[in-house]
Amino acid sequence: MTIGLIITAALLGLIAAGSAAGKLQRKEALMTQLTGLGVPAAQIPLLGLLEIAGALGLLIGIWVPGLGVAAAFGLVLYFAGAVGAHLRHHDGPKEFAPALVIFILAVVTLLLELHR
């Protein structure tokens, strides 16, 4: 296992957990942003739970490689969807850059997981 994998998995896990916290706490600015992108308010907590599952999967995946791959792949899909939602909404780079950066980190983590 490489140090790079541990670092990227931990960083991605922390980011996903932080993102999930905002969704589960129903922070007003986040709720407004997500509903503005077309996400039904009732589904926002589910998105947070998916992020927590991904974060936990990455953490446990340090010792259980298959789980790490699955978690990283799930987060790649999750954040690809986030980038796609911003692009469909014609958001500018300022709005979709965070999702794009996290997507790239998820791809790097997945590649490292696959090559461990």
N, C-alpha and C. Protein backbone atom coordinates (compact mmCIF):
# COMPACT_ATOMS: atom_id res chain seq x y z
N MET A 1 0.85 -1.16 0.00
CA MET A 1 0.00 0.00 0.00
C MET A 1 0.90 1.23 0.00
N THR A 2 0.53 2.20 -0.79
CA THR A 2 1.37 3.38 -0.89
C THR A 2 0.90 4.48 0.04
N ILE A 3 1.83 5.31 0.38
CA ILE A 3 1.49 6.48 1.21
C ILE A 3 0.54 7.39 0.44
N GLY A 4 0.75 7.49 -0.87
CA GLY A 4 -0.13 8.33 -1.69
C GLY A 4 -1.57 7.89 -1.62
N LEU A 5 -1.79 6.58 -1.65
CA LEU A 5 -3.15 6.06 -1.54
C LEU A 5 -3.76 6.41 -0.19
N ILE A 6 -3.02 6.22 0.86
CA ILE A 6 -3.54 6.53 2.19
C ILE A 6 -3.89 8.01 2.29
N ILE A 7 -3.02 8.87 1.76
CA ILE A 7 -3.26 10.31 1.82
C ILE A 7 -4.49 10.70 1.00
N THR A 8 -4.57 10.22 -0.25
CA THR A 8 -5.71 10.62 -1.08
C THR A 8 -7.01 10.03 -0.54
N ALA A 9 -6.98 8.79 -0.07
CA ALA A 9 -8.19 8.17 0.48
C ALA A 9 -8.66 8.92 1.73
N ALA A 10 -7.71 9.27 2.59
CA ALA A 10 -8.07 10.01 3.81
C ALA A 10 -8.61 11.39 3.47
N LEU A 11 -7.96 12.08 2.54
CA LEU A 11 -8.41 13.42 2.16
C LEU A 11 -9.80 13.36 1.52
N LEU A 12 -9.99 12.44 0.59
CA LEU A 12 -11.29 12.29 -0.05
C LEU A 12 -12.36 11.91 0.97
N GLY A 13 -12.02 11.03 1.90
CA GLY A 13 -12.97 10.64 2.94
C GLY A 13 -13.37 11.81 3.82
N LEU A 14 -12.40 12.63 4.20
CA LEU A 14 -12.70 13.82 5.02
C LEU A 14 -13.58 14.81 4.26
N ILE A 15 -13.27 15.01 3.00
CA ILE A 15 -14.07 15.94 2.19
C ILE A 15 -15.50 15.42 2.05
N ALA A 16 -15.63 14.13 1.76
CA ALA A 16 -16.97 13.54 1.61
C ALA A 16 -17.75 13.63 2.92
N ALA A 17 -17.08 13.36 4.03
CA ALA A 17 -17.76 13.45 5.34
C ALA A 17 -18.19 14.89 5.64
N GLY A 18 -17.33 15.84 5.31
CA GLY A 18 -17.68 17.25 5.52
C GLY A 18 -18.85 17.68 4.66
N SER A 19 -18.84 17.24 3.42
CA SER A 19 -19.95 17.53 2.51
C SER A 19 -21.24 16.90 3.02
N ALA A 20 -21.12 15.68 3.51
CA ALA A 20 -22.29 14.98 4.05
C ALA A 20 -22.86 15.70 5.26
N ALA A 21 -21.99 16.22 6.10
CA ALA A 21 -22.46 16.90 7.31
C ALA A 21 -23.38 18.07 6.97
N GLY A 22 -23.00 18.84 5.96
CA GLY A 22 -23.84 19.96 5.54
C GLY A 22 -25.20 19.51 5.05
N LYS A 23 -25.22 18.41 4.34
CA LYS A 23 -26.49 17.89 3.82
C LYS A 23 -27.36 17.34 4.95
N LEU A 24 -26.76 16.61 5.88
CA LEU A 24 -27.53 16.02 6.97
C LEU A 24 -28.00 17.07 7.97
N GLN A 25 -27.26 18.16 8.08
CA GLN A 25 -27.67 19.27 8.95
C GLN A 25 -28.63 20.21 8.24
N ARG A 26 -28.86 19.95 6.97
CA ARG A 26 -29.77 20.77 6.14
C ARG A 26 -29.40 22.25 6.20
N LYS A 27 -28.12 22.53 5.99
CA LYS A 27 -27.66 23.92 6.00
C LYS A 27 -28.37 24.67 4.88
N GLU A 28 -28.89 25.84 5.24
CA GLU A 28 -29.77 26.58 4.34
C GLU A 28 -29.12 26.89 2.99
N ALA A 29 -27.90 27.37 2.99
CA ALA A 29 -27.25 27.73 1.72
C ALA A 29 -27.07 26.49 0.84
N LEU A 30 -26.72 25.38 1.43
CA LEU A 30 -26.54 24.15 0.67
C LEU A 30 -27.87 23.63 0.14
N MET A 31 -28.89 23.68 0.97
CA MET A 31 -30.22 23.24 0.53
C MET A 31 -30.70 24.09 -0.65
N THR A 32 -30.48 25.40 -0.56
CA THR A 32 -30.89 26.29 -1.65
C THR A 32 -30.13 25.97 -2.93
N GLN A 33 -28.81 25.74 -2.79
CA GLN A 33 -28.00 25.42 -3.96
C GLN A 33 -28.46 24.12 -4.61
N LEU A 34 -28.64 23.09 -3.80
CA LEU A 34 -29.00 21.77 -4.34
C LEU A 34 -30.41 21.75 -4.93
N THR A 35 -31.35 22.38 -4.26
CA THR A 35 -32.70 22.41 -4.83
C THR A 35 -32.71 23.26 -6.10
N GLY A 36 -31.86 24.28 -6.16
CA GLY A 36 -31.72 25.07 -7.38
C GLY A 36 -31.17 24.27 -8.55
N LEU A 37 -30.43 23.23 -8.24
CA LEU A 37 -29.90 22.33 -9.27
C LEU A 37 -30.91 21.25 -9.67
N GLY A 38 -32.05 21.24 -8.98
CA GLY A 38 -33.08 20.27 -9.31
C GLY A 38 -33.14 19.07 -8.40
N VAL A 39 -32.36 19.07 -7.33
CA VAL A 39 -32.38 17.95 -6.39
C VAL A 39 -33.57 18.14 -5.44
N PRO A 40 -34.46 17.17 -5.38
CA PRO A 40 -35.58 17.30 -4.43
C PRO A 40 -35.07 17.36 -2.99
N ALA A 41 -35.64 18.26 -2.21
CA ALA A 41 -35.18 18.45 -0.83
C ALA A 41 -35.22 17.15 -0.02
N ALA A 42 -36.18 16.29 -0.30
CA ALA A 42 -36.29 15.04 0.44
C ALA A 42 -35.14 14.09 0.15
N GLN A 43 -34.46 14.26 -0.98
CA GLN A 43 -33.37 13.36 -1.35
C GLN A 43 -32.00 13.84 -0.85
N ILE A 44 -31.91 15.06 -0.37
CA ILE A 44 -30.62 15.60 0.04
C ILE A 44 -30.00 14.81 1.20
N PRO A 45 -30.77 14.43 2.23
CA PRO A 45 -30.16 13.60 3.29
C PRO A 45 -29.64 12.26 2.75
N LEU A 46 -30.31 11.68 1.77
CA LEU A 46 -29.83 10.43 1.17
C LEU A 46 -28.47 10.65 0.51
N LEU A 47 -28.29 11.79 -0.15
CA LEU A 47 -26.99 12.10 -0.75
C LEU A 47 -25.91 12.16 0.33
N GLY A 48 -26.25 12.75 1.47
CA GLY A 48 -25.31 12.81 2.59
C GLY A 48 -24.95 11.42 3.10
N LEU A 49 -25.94 10.55 3.18
CA LEU A 49 -25.67 9.18 3.63
C LEU A 49 -24.78 8.43 2.63
N LEU A 50 -24.97 8.68 1.35
CA LEU A 50 -24.11 8.06 0.34
C LEU A 50 -22.66 8.53 0.50
N GLU A 51 -22.49 9.81 0.79
CA GLU A 51 -21.14 10.34 1.00
C GLU A 51 -20.50 9.72 2.24
N ILE A 52 -21.28 9.55 3.30
CA ILE A 52 -20.75 8.92 4.51
C ILE A 52 -20.37 7.48 4.22
N ALA A 53 -21.19 6.77 3.47
CA ALA A 53 -20.86 5.40 3.10
C ALA A 53 -19.55 5.36 2.32
N GLY A 54 -19.36 6.31 1.40
CA GLY A 54 -18.12 6.38 0.64
C GLY A 54 -16.93 6.66 1.52
N ALA A 55 -17.10 7.60 2.45
CA ALA A 55 -16.00 7.95 3.36
C ALA A 55 -15.61 6.75 4.24
N LEU A 56 -16.61 6.07 4.79
CA LEU A 56 -16.32 4.89 5.62
C LEU A 56 -15.71 3.77 4.79
N GLY A 57 -16.20 3.60 3.57
CA GLY A 57 -15.64 2.58 2.69
C GLY A 57 -14.18 2.84 2.37
N LEU A 58 -13.82 4.10 2.18
CA LEU A 58 -12.41 4.43 1.93
C LEU A 58 -11.57 4.14 3.16
N LEU A 59 -12.08 4.50 4.33
CA LEU A 59 -11.33 4.27 5.56
C LEU A 59 -11.11 2.77 5.80
N ILE A 60 -12.18 2.01 5.75
CA ILE A 60 -12.06 0.56 5.95
C ILE A 60 -11.29 -0.07 4.79
N GLY A 61 -11.41 0.53 3.62
CA GLY A 61 -10.73 0.02 2.43
C GLY A 61 -9.21 0.09 2.51
N ILE A 62 -8.69 0.83 3.48
CA ILE A 62 -7.23 0.82 3.68
C ILE A 62 -6.79 -0.61 4.03
N TRP A 63 -7.64 -1.34 4.76
CA TRP A 63 -7.32 -2.71 5.17
C TRP A 63 -8.06 -3.76 4.33
N VAL A 64 -9.14 -3.35 3.68
CA VAL A 64 -9.95 -4.27 2.85
C VAL A 64 -9.97 -3.70 1.43
N PRO A 65 -9.00 -4.07 0.62
CA PRO A 65 -8.82 -3.42 -0.69
C PRO A 65 -10.06 -3.38 -1.58
N GLY A 66 -10.81 -4.46 -1.66
CA GLY A 66 -12.00 -4.46 -2.51
C GLY A 66 -13.00 -3.40 -2.12
N LEU A 67 -13.16 -3.19 -0.83
CA LEU A 67 -14.07 -2.16 -0.35
C LEU A 67 -13.57 -0.77 -0.72
N GLY A 68 -12.27 -0.57 -0.64
CA GLY A 68 -11.70 0.72 -1.02
C GLY A 68 -11.95 1.03 -2.49
N VAL A 69 -11.81 0.03 -3.34
CA VAL A 69 -12.07 0.22 -4.77
C VAL A 69 -13.54 0.58 -4.98
N ALA A 70 -14.44 -0.16 -4.35
CA ALA A 70 -15.87 0.09 -4.50
C ALA A 70 -16.24 1.49 -4.00
N ALA A 71 -15.69 1.89 -2.86
CA ALA A 71 -15.99 3.20 -2.30
C ALA A 71 -15.46 4.32 -3.21
N ALA A 72 -14.24 4.15 -3.69
CA ALA A 72 -13.67 5.17 -4.59
C ALA A 72 -14.48 5.25 -5.87
N PHE A 73 -14.88 4.10 -6.42
CA PHE A 73 -15.68 4.10 -7.64
C PHE A 73 -17.02 4.78 -7.40
N GLY A 74 -17.64 4.49 -6.26
CA GLY A 74 -18.91 5.13 -5.93
C GLY A 74 -18.78 6.64 -5.83
N LEU A 75 -17.69 7.11 -5.22
CA LEU A 75 -17.49 8.55 -5.10
C LEU A 75 -17.14 9.19 -6.44
N VAL A 76 -16.47 8.46 -7.32
CA VAL A 76 -16.25 8.97 -8.69
C VAL A 76 -17.60 9.21 -9.36
N LEU A 77 -18.49 8.22 -9.28
CA LEU A 77 -19.81 8.38 -9.89
C LEU A 77 -20.60 9.51 -9.23
N TYR A 78 -20.54 9.58 -7.91
CA TYR A 78 -21.27 10.61 -7.16
C TYR A 78 -20.84 12.01 -7.62
N PHE A 79 -19.53 12.24 -7.63
CA PHE A 79 -19.06 13.58 -7.97
C PHE A 79 -19.11 13.86 -9.47
N ALA A 80 -19.10 12.82 -10.30
CA ALA A 80 -19.36 13.03 -11.73
C ALA A 80 -20.79 13.54 -11.91
N GLY A 81 -21.70 12.97 -11.14
CA GLY A 81 -23.09 13.44 -11.16
C GLY A 81 -23.20 14.88 -10.69
N ALA A 82 -22.42 15.23 -9.67
CA ALA A 82 -22.45 16.61 -9.17
C ALA A 82 -21.93 17.59 -10.23
N VAL A 83 -20.83 17.23 -10.88
CA VAL A 83 -20.29 18.09 -11.94
C VAL A 83 -21.31 18.21 -13.07
N GLY A 84 -21.90 17.08 -13.45
CA GLY A 84 -22.91 17.09 -14.51
C GLY A 84 -24.11 17.96 -14.17
N ALA A 85 -24.55 17.92 -12.92
CA ALA A 85 -25.68 18.76 -12.51
C ALA A 85 -25.34 20.23 -12.63
N HIS A 86 -24.13 20.60 -12.24
CA HIS A 86 -23.71 22.00 -12.36
C HIS A 86 -23.62 22.42 -13.82
N LEU A 87 -23.09 21.56 -14.66
CA LEU A 87 -22.96 21.89 -16.08
C LEU A 87 -24.32 21.99 -16.76
N ARG A 88 -25.24 21.07 -16.42
CA ARG A 88 -26.60 21.15 -16.98
C ARG A 88 -27.29 22.44 -16.57
N HIS A 89 -26.97 22.92 -15.39
CA HIS A 89 -27.57 24.15 -14.87
C HIS A 89 -26.86 25.39 -15.42
N HIS A 90 -25.83 25.18 -16.22
CA HIS A 90 -25.02 26.26 -16.82
C HIS A 90 -24.33 27.11 -15.77
N ASP A 91 -23.92 26.48 -14.68
CA ASP A 91 -23.16 27.18 -13.66
C ASP A 91 -21.78 27.52 -14.20
N GLY A 92 -21.22 28.58 -13.68
CA GLY A 92 -19.87 28.97 -14.07
C GLY A 92 -18.84 28.18 -13.29
N PRO A 93 -17.56 28.37 -13.64
CA PRO A 93 -16.49 27.63 -12.97
C PRO A 93 -16.48 27.82 -11.45
N LYS A 94 -16.85 28.99 -10.99
CA LYS A 94 -16.85 29.24 -9.54
C LYS A 94 -17.81 28.29 -8.82
N GLU A 95 -18.93 27.99 -9.46
CA GLU A 95 -19.92 27.12 -8.83
C GLU A 95 -19.56 25.64 -8.94
N PHE A 96 -19.01 25.21 -10.09
CA PHE A 96 -18.77 23.78 -10.23
C PHE A 96 -17.33 23.36 -9.95
N ALA A 97 -16.44 24.32 -9.73
CA ALA A 97 -15.04 23.97 -9.47
C ALA A 97 -14.86 23.05 -8.26
N PRO A 98 -15.53 23.30 -7.13
CA PRO A 98 -15.34 22.39 -5.99
C PRO A 98 -15.71 20.94 -6.34
N ALA A 99 -16.84 20.74 -7.01
CA ALA A 99 -17.24 19.38 -7.38
C ALA A 99 -16.24 18.77 -8.36
N LEU A 100 -15.72 19.58 -9.28
CA LEU A 100 -14.75 19.08 -10.25
C LEU A 100 -13.44 18.66 -9.57
N VAL A 101 -12.97 19.46 -8.63
CA VAL A 101 -11.73 19.13 -7.91
C VAL A 101 -11.92 17.84 -7.11
N ILE A 102 -13.06 17.70 -6.46
CA ILE A 102 -13.31 16.48 -5.68
C ILE A 102 -13.44 15.28 -6.61
N PHE A 103 -14.08 15.48 -7.77
CA PHE A 103 -14.18 14.40 -8.76
C PHE A 103 -12.79 13.94 -9.18
N ILE A 104 -11.90 14.88 -9.47
CA ILE A 104 -10.54 14.53 -9.88
C ILE A 104 -9.82 13.77 -8.77
N LEU A 105 -9.98 14.22 -7.53
CA LEU A 105 -9.39 13.52 -6.39
C LEU A 105 -9.94 12.10 -6.28
N ALA A 106 -11.23 11.95 -6.53
CA ALA A 106 -11.84 10.61 -6.47
C ALA A 106 -11.27 9.71 -7.57
N VAL A 107 -11.07 10.26 -8.76
CA VAL A 107 -10.49 9.48 -9.86
C VAL A 107 -9.07 9.04 -9.50
N VAL A 108 -8.28 9.98 -8.97
CA VAL A 108 -6.90 9.64 -8.56
C VAL A 108 -6.91 8.56 -7.49
N THR A 109 -7.81 8.68 -6.53
CA THR A 109 -7.91 7.68 -5.46
C THR A 109 -8.28 6.32 -6.04
N LEU A 110 -9.24 6.31 -6.96
CA LEU A 110 -9.64 5.05 -7.59
C LEU A 110 -8.47 4.42 -8.34
N LEU A 111 -7.74 5.23 -9.08
CA LEU A 111 -6.59 4.69 -9.83
C LEU A 111 -5.54 4.11 -8.88
N LEU A 112 -5.30 4.80 -7.78
CA LEU A 112 -4.35 4.29 -6.79
C LEU A 112 -4.87 3.00 -6.15
N GLU A 113 -6.15 2.94 -5.89
CA GLU A 113 -6.75 1.72 -5.34
C GLU A 113 -6.58 0.55 -6.30
N LEU A 114 -6.78 0.81 -7.59
CA LEU A 114 -6.68 -0.25 -8.59
C LEU A 114 -5.25 -0.73 -8.80
N HIS A 115 -4.28 0.11 -8.48
CA HIS A 115 -2.88 -0.22 -8.71
C HIS A 115 -2.10 -0.51 -7.44
N ARG A 116 -2.79 -0.86 -6.37
CA ARG A 116 -2.07 -1.11 -5.12
C ARG A 116 -1.36 -2.43 -5.16
